[in-house]
Amino acid sequence: MQRKSFDQMPCPIARSLEEVGEWWSILILRDAFYGLARFDQFAQSLGIAPNMLTRRLKGLCEAGLMERRLYEERPPRYEYVLTNKGREFRPVLWTLFAWGNRHLAPEGESVVLADPQTGLPIEPVVVDARTGRPLAKGVRVVAGPAATPRLRARFAPRTGI
């Protein structure tokens, strides 16, 4: 069965999943944030088959999240580094990290996020950049400027209930 593509859907979550929704891709990005850059480092860290790693790295480069750079000419060897777009995924990863620790680690946290100066644990919170208000509650999804008529109808305010 062929996988459905989400790249033409008007939903930002669906489009994001098209770029990073495959679990190997997210784990590769995680390892890149941890400082890994070379094919063999990713392969060793993840225990992933070389052909799958090749496909995932190629996909991340095509999506503009990583960039392939030559670091040795003979024989040619490449490293994979995060682009600006890839680095902007960091808060998503840290939020997923914290959610996993909170809900999926009954044995306790095996790794935690920490402040680099104090070493104290950090709890990521998603906030509105304009107001600084946490987004855990009280957010409504509304149609944006490029919304289709179908999306406008879906997210129109409901009245009379």
C-alpha atoms as a PDB file:
ATOM      1  CA  MET A   1       0.000   0.000   0.000  1.00  0.00           C
ATOM      2  CA  GLN A   2       1.369   3.412  -0.968  1.00  0.00           C
ATOM      3  CA  ARG A   3       1.587   6.055   1.734  1.00  0.00           C
ATOM      4  CA  LYS A   4      -0.762   9.019   1.411  1.00  0.00           C
ATOM      5  CA  SER A   5       0.944  12.350   0.829  1.00  0.00           C
ATOM      6  CA  PHE A   6      -0.090  15.292   2.996  1.00  0.00           C
ATOM      7  CA  ASP A   7       1.858  18.022   1.180  1.00  0.00           C
ATOM      8  CA  GLN A   8      -1.183  19.419  -0.646  1.00  0.00           C
ATOM      9  CA  MET A   9      -3.465  19.495   2.390  1.00  0.00           C
ATOM     10  CA  PRO A  10      -4.142  23.019   3.695  1.00  0.00           C
ATOM     11  CA  CYS A  11      -3.579  21.905   7.310  1.00  0.00           C
ATOM     12  CA  PRO A  12      -0.209  23.008   8.781  1.00  0.00           C
ATOM     13  CA  ILE A  13      -0.056  19.878  10.948  1.00  0.00           C
ATOM     14  CA  ALA A  14      -0.527  17.621   7.908  1.00  0.00           C
ATOM     15  CA  ARG A  15       2.123  19.515   5.947  1.00  0.00           C
ATOM     16  CA  SER A  16       4.519  19.308   8.892  1.00  0.00           C
ATOM     17  CA  LEU A  17       3.961  15.564   9.076  1.00  0.00           C
ATOM     18  CA  GLU A  18       4.845  15.323   5.389  1.00  0.00           C
ATOM     19  CA  GLU A  19       8.271  16.770   6.231  1.00  0.00           C
ATOM     20  CA  VAL A  20       9.082  15.208   9.615  1.00  0.00           C
ATOM     21  CA  GLY A  21       6.286  12.759  10.459  1.00  0.00           C
ATOM     22  CA  GLU A  22       8.227   9.584   9.810  1.00  0.00           C
ATOM     23  CA  TRP A  23       9.765   8.409  13.108  1.00  0.00           C
ATOM     24  CA  TRP A  24      13.267   7.864  11.717  1.00  0.00           C
ATOM     25  CA  SER A  25      13.282  11.473  10.501  1.00  0.00           C
ATOM     26  CA  ILE A  26      12.460  12.818  13.949  1.00  0.00           C
ATOM     27  CA  LEU A  27      15.112  10.616  15.551  1.00  0.00           C
ATOM     28  CA  ILE A  28      17.702  11.775  12.989  1.00  0.00           C
ATOM     29  CA  LEU A  29      16.817  15.392  13.800  1.00  0.00           C
ATOM     30  CA  ARG A  30      17.111  14.582  17.517  1.00  0.00           C
ATOM     31  CA  ASP A  31      20.574  13.126  16.993  1.00  0.00           C
ATOM     32  CA  ALA A  32      21.581  16.135  14.887  1.00  0.00           C
ATOM     33  CA  PHE A  33      20.590  18.378  17.819  1.00  0.00           C
ATOM     34  CA  TYR A  34      22.733  16.128  20.039  1.00  0.00           C
ATOM     35  CA  GLY A  35      25.696  16.901  17.761  1.00  0.00           C
ATOM     36  CA  LEU A  36      25.826  13.972  15.343  1.00  0.00           C
ATOM     37  CA  ALA A  37      26.526  14.824  11.705  1.00  0.00           C
ATOM     38  CA  ARG A  38      28.035  11.845   9.906  1.00  0.00           C
ATOM     39  CA  PHE A  39      26.267   8.906   8.309  1.00  0.00           C
ATOM     40  CA  ASP A  40      28.079   6.322  10.449  1.00  0.00           C
ATOM     41  CA  GLN A  41      27.250   8.258  13.630  1.00  0.00           C
ATOM     42  CA  PHE A  42      23.534   8.262  12.804  1.00  0.00           C
ATOM     43  CA  ALA A  43      23.662   4.577  11.813  1.00  0.00           C
ATOM     44  CA  GLN A  44      25.368   3.587  15.059  1.00  0.00           C
ATOM     45  CA  SER A  45      23.122   5.712  17.257  1.00  0.00           C
ATOM     46  CA  LEU A  46      19.866   4.573  15.678  1.00  0.00           C
ATOM     47  CA  GLY A  47      20.596   1.000  14.602  1.00  0.00           C
ATOM     48  CA  ILE A  48      18.894   1.845  11.316  1.00  0.00           C
ATOM     49  CA  ALA A  49      19.484  -0.034   8.045  1.00  0.00           C
ATOM     50  CA  PRO A  50      21.840   1.903   5.722  1.00  0.00           C
ATOM     51  CA  ASN A  51      19.304   2.056   2.869  1.00  0.00           C
ATOM     52  CA  MET A  52      16.634   3.482   5.193  1.00  0.00           C
ATOM     53  CA  LEU A  53      19.078   6.008   6.664  1.00  0.00           C
ATOM     54  CA  THR A  54      20.088   7.080   3.156  1.00  0.00           C
ATOM     55  CA  ARG A  55      16.425   7.655   2.224  1.00  0.00           C
ATOM     56  CA  ARG A  56      15.629   9.565   5.410  1.00  0.00           C
ATOM     57  CA  LEU A  57      18.713  11.813   5.138  1.00  0.00           C
ATOM     58  CA  LYS A  58      17.913  12.489   1.485  1.00  0.00           C
ATOM     59  CA  GLY A  59      14.322  13.367   2.411  1.00  0.00           C
ATOM     60  CA  LEU A  60      15.420  15.710   5.198  1.00  0.00           C
ATOM     61  CA  CYS A  61      17.818  17.436   2.786  1.00  0.00           C
ATOM     62  CA  GLU A  62      15.130  17.730   0.088  1.00  0.00           C
ATOM     63  CA  ALA A  63      12.754  19.183   2.696  1.00  0.00           C
ATOM     64  CA  GLY A  64      15.373  21.788   3.577  1.00  0.00           C
ATOM     65  CA  LEU A  65      15.790  20.628   7.188  1.00  0.00           C
ATOM     66  CA  MET A  66      19.351  19.361   6.711  1.00  0.00           C
ATOM     67  CA  GLU A  67      22.171  20.072   4.329  1.00  0.00           C
ATOM     68  CA  ARG A  68      24.697  17.591   2.970  1.00  0.00           C
ATOM     69  CA  ARG A  69      28.270  18.955   3.109  1.00  0.00           C
ATOM     70  CA  LEU A  70      31.463  17.440   1.784  1.00  0.00           C
ATOM     71  CA  TYR A  71      34.043  17.089   4.565  1.00  0.00           C
ATOM     72  CA  GLU A  72      36.560  14.805   2.839  1.00  0.00           C
ATOM     73  CA  GLU A  73      37.372  14.719  -0.868  1.00  0.00           C
ATOM     74  CA  ARG A  74      39.196  11.370  -1.226  1.00  0.00           C
ATOM     75  CA  PRO A  75      37.190   9.312  -0.765  1.00  0.00           C
ATOM     76  CA  PRO A  76      34.232  11.693  -0.844  1.00  0.00           C
ATOM     77  CA  ARG A  77      32.547  11.793   2.562  1.00  0.00           C
ATOM     78  CA  TYR A  78      29.668  13.944   3.674  1.00  0.00           C
ATOM     79  CA  GLU A  79      28.199  15.225   6.883  1.00  0.00           C
ATOM     80  CA  TYR A  80      24.610  16.271   7.450  1.00  0.00           C
ATOM     81  CA  VAL A  81      24.007  19.536   9.264  1.00  0.00           C
ATOM     82  CA  LEU A  82      20.841  21.289  10.328  1.00  0.00           C
ATOM     83  CA  THR A  83      19.695  24.260   8.268  1.00  0.00           C
ATOM     84  CA  ASN A  84      17.896  27.255   9.785  1.00  0.00           C
ATOM     85  CA  LYS A  85      14.609  25.484   9.008  1.00  0.00           C
ATOM     86  CA  GLY A  86      15.892  22.376  10.771  1.00  0.00           C
ATOM     87  CA  ARG A  87      17.107  24.330  13.802  1.00  0.00           C
ATOM     88  CA  GLU A  88      13.646  25.905  14.103  1.00  0.00           C
ATOM     89  CA  PHE A  89      12.312  22.385  14.776  1.00  0.00           C
ATOM     90  CA  ARG A  90      14.185  22.324  18.110  1.00  0.00           C
ATOM     91  CA  PRO A  91      11.291  23.665  20.264  1.00  0.00           C
ATOM     92  CA  VAL A  92       8.987  21.022  18.776  1.00  0.00           C
ATOM     93  CA  LEU A  93      11.478  18.318  19.732  1.00  0.00           C
ATOM     94  CA  TRP A  94      11.968  19.664  23.250  1.00  0.00           C
ATOM     95  CA  THR A  95       8.200  19.838  23.770  1.00  0.00           C
ATOM     96  CA  LEU A  96       7.831  16.246  22.532  1.00  0.00           C
ATOM     97  CA  PHE A  97      10.741  15.292  24.788  1.00  0.00           C
ATOM     98  CA  ALA A  98       9.015  16.759  27.867  1.00  0.00           C
ATOM     99  CA  TRP A  99       5.636  15.241  26.951  1.00  0.00           C
ATOM    100  CA  GLY A 100       7.264  11.809  26.624  1.00  0.00           C
ATOM    101  CA  ASN A 101       8.962  12.163  30.020  1.00  0.00           C
ATOM    102  CA  ARG A 102       5.692  13.265  31.614  1.00  0.00           C
ATOM    103  CA  HIS A 103       3.415  10.605  30.103  1.00  0.00           C
ATOM    104  CA  LEU A 104       5.509   7.704  28.796  1.00  0.00           C
ATOM    105  CA  ALA A 105       8.234   7.121  31.393  1.00  0.00           C
ATOM    106  CA  PRO A 106       6.631   5.226  34.302  1.00  0.00           C
ATOM    107  CA  GLU A 107      10.101   4.075  35.384  1.00  0.00           C
ATOM    108  CA  GLY A 108      11.227   7.694  35.671  1.00  0.00           C
ATOM    109  CA  GLU A 109      13.054  10.108  33.387  1.00  0.00           C
ATOM    110  CA  SER A 110      16.162   8.656  31.769  1.00  0.00           C
ATOM    111  CA  VAL A 111      17.218  12.024  30.303  1.00  0.00           C
ATOM    112  CA  VAL A 112      16.053  15.542  31.119  1.00  0.00           C
ATOM    113  CA  LEU A 113      16.431  19.019  29.662  1.00  0.00           C
ATOM    114  CA  ALA A 114      18.664  21.235  31.792  1.00  0.00           C
ATOM    115  CA  ASP A 115      19.714  24.873  31.938  1.00  0.00           C
ATOM    116  CA  PRO A 116      23.309  25.057  30.624  1.00  0.00           C
ATOM    117  CA  GLN A 117      24.406  27.543  33.319  1.00  0.00           C
ATOM    118  CA  THR A 118      22.710  26.148  36.432  1.00  0.00           C
ATOM    119  CA  GLY A 119      22.195  22.502  35.489  1.00  0.00           C
ATOM    120  CA  LEU A 120      18.651  22.733  36.840  1.00  0.00           C
ATOM    121  CA  PRO A 121      15.896  20.876  34.971  1.00  0.00           C
ATOM    122  CA  ILE A 122      13.923  22.828  32.376  1.00  0.00           C
ATOM    123  CA  GLU A 123      10.246  22.314  31.602  1.00  0.00           C
ATOM    124  CA  PRO A 124       9.467  23.608  28.093  1.00  0.00           C
ATOM    125  CA  VAL A 125       6.270  25.606  27.697  1.00  0.00           C
ATOM    126  CA  VAL A 126       4.790  26.813  24.419  1.00  0.00           C
ATOM    127  CA  VAL A 127       3.864  30.489  24.617  1.00  0.00           C
ATOM    128  CA  ASP A 128       2.434  33.134  22.334  1.00  0.00           C
ATOM    129  CA  ALA A 129       5.403  35.183  21.094  1.00  0.00           C
ATOM    130  CA  ARG A 130       3.369  38.391  21.169  1.00  0.00           C
ATOM    131  CA  THR A 131       1.904  38.148  24.678  1.00  0.00           C
ATOM    132  CA  GLY A 132       4.066  35.528  26.405  1.00  0.00           C
ATOM    133  CA  ARG A 133       0.880  33.696  27.467  1.00  0.00           C
ATOM    134  CA  PRO A 134       1.175  29.872  27.698  1.00  0.00           C
ATOM    135  CA  LEU A 135      -0.837  28.067  25.028  1.00  0.00           C
ATOM    136  CA  ALA A 136      -1.812  24.987  27.024  1.00  0.00           C
ATOM    137  CA  LYS A 137      -5.451  26.143  27.161  1.00  0.00           C
ATOM    138  CA  GLY A 138      -7.630  28.842  25.674  1.00  0.00           C
ATOM    139  CA  VAL A 139      -6.545  28.627  22.044  1.00  0.00           C
ATOM    140  CA  ARG A 140      -9.024  28.538  19.176  1.00  0.00           C
ATOM    141  CA  VAL A 141      -8.246  27.531  15.598  1.00  0.00           C
ATOM    142  CA  VAL A 142      -9.587  30.001  13.038  1.00  0.00           C
ATOM    143  CA  ALA A 143      -9.395  30.194   9.260  1.00  0.00           C
ATOM    144  CA  GLY A 144      -6.348  32.055   7.953  1.00  0.00           C
ATOM    145  CA  PRO A 145      -5.980  34.358   4.946  1.00  0.00           C
ATOM    146  CA  ALA A 146      -5.303  31.465   2.528  1.00  0.00           C
ATOM    147  CA  ALA A 147      -8.130  29.244   3.837  1.00  0.00           C
ATOM    148  CA  THR A 148     -10.375  27.532   1.338  1.00  0.00           C
ATOM    149  CA  PRO A 149     -14.166  28.021   1.594  1.00  0.00           C
ATOM    150  CA  ARG A 150     -14.375  24.539   3.122  1.00  0.00           C
ATOM    151  CA  LEU A 151     -11.893  25.489   5.868  1.00  0.00           C
ATOM    152  CA  ARG A 152     -13.655  28.801   6.473  1.00  0.00           C
ATOM    153  CA  ALA A 153     -16.921  26.905   7.016  1.00  0.00           C
ATOM    154  CA  ARG A 154     -15.217  24.353   9.257  1.00  0.00           C
ATOM    155  CA  PHE A 155     -13.703  26.981  11.543  1.00  0.00           C
ATOM    156  CA  ALA A 156     -16.517  29.552  11.449  1.00  0.00           C
ATOM    157  CA  PRO A 157     -17.682  30.591  14.930  1.00  0.00           C
ATOM    158  CA  ARG A 158     -20.679  28.549  16.013  1.00  0.00           C
ATOM    159  CA  THR A 159     -23.717  30.407  17.268  1.00  0.00           C
ATOM    160  CA  GLY A 160     -27.147  29.492  18.596  1.00  0.00           C
ATOM    161  CA  ILE A 161     -26.068  26.508  20.673  1.00  0.00           C
END
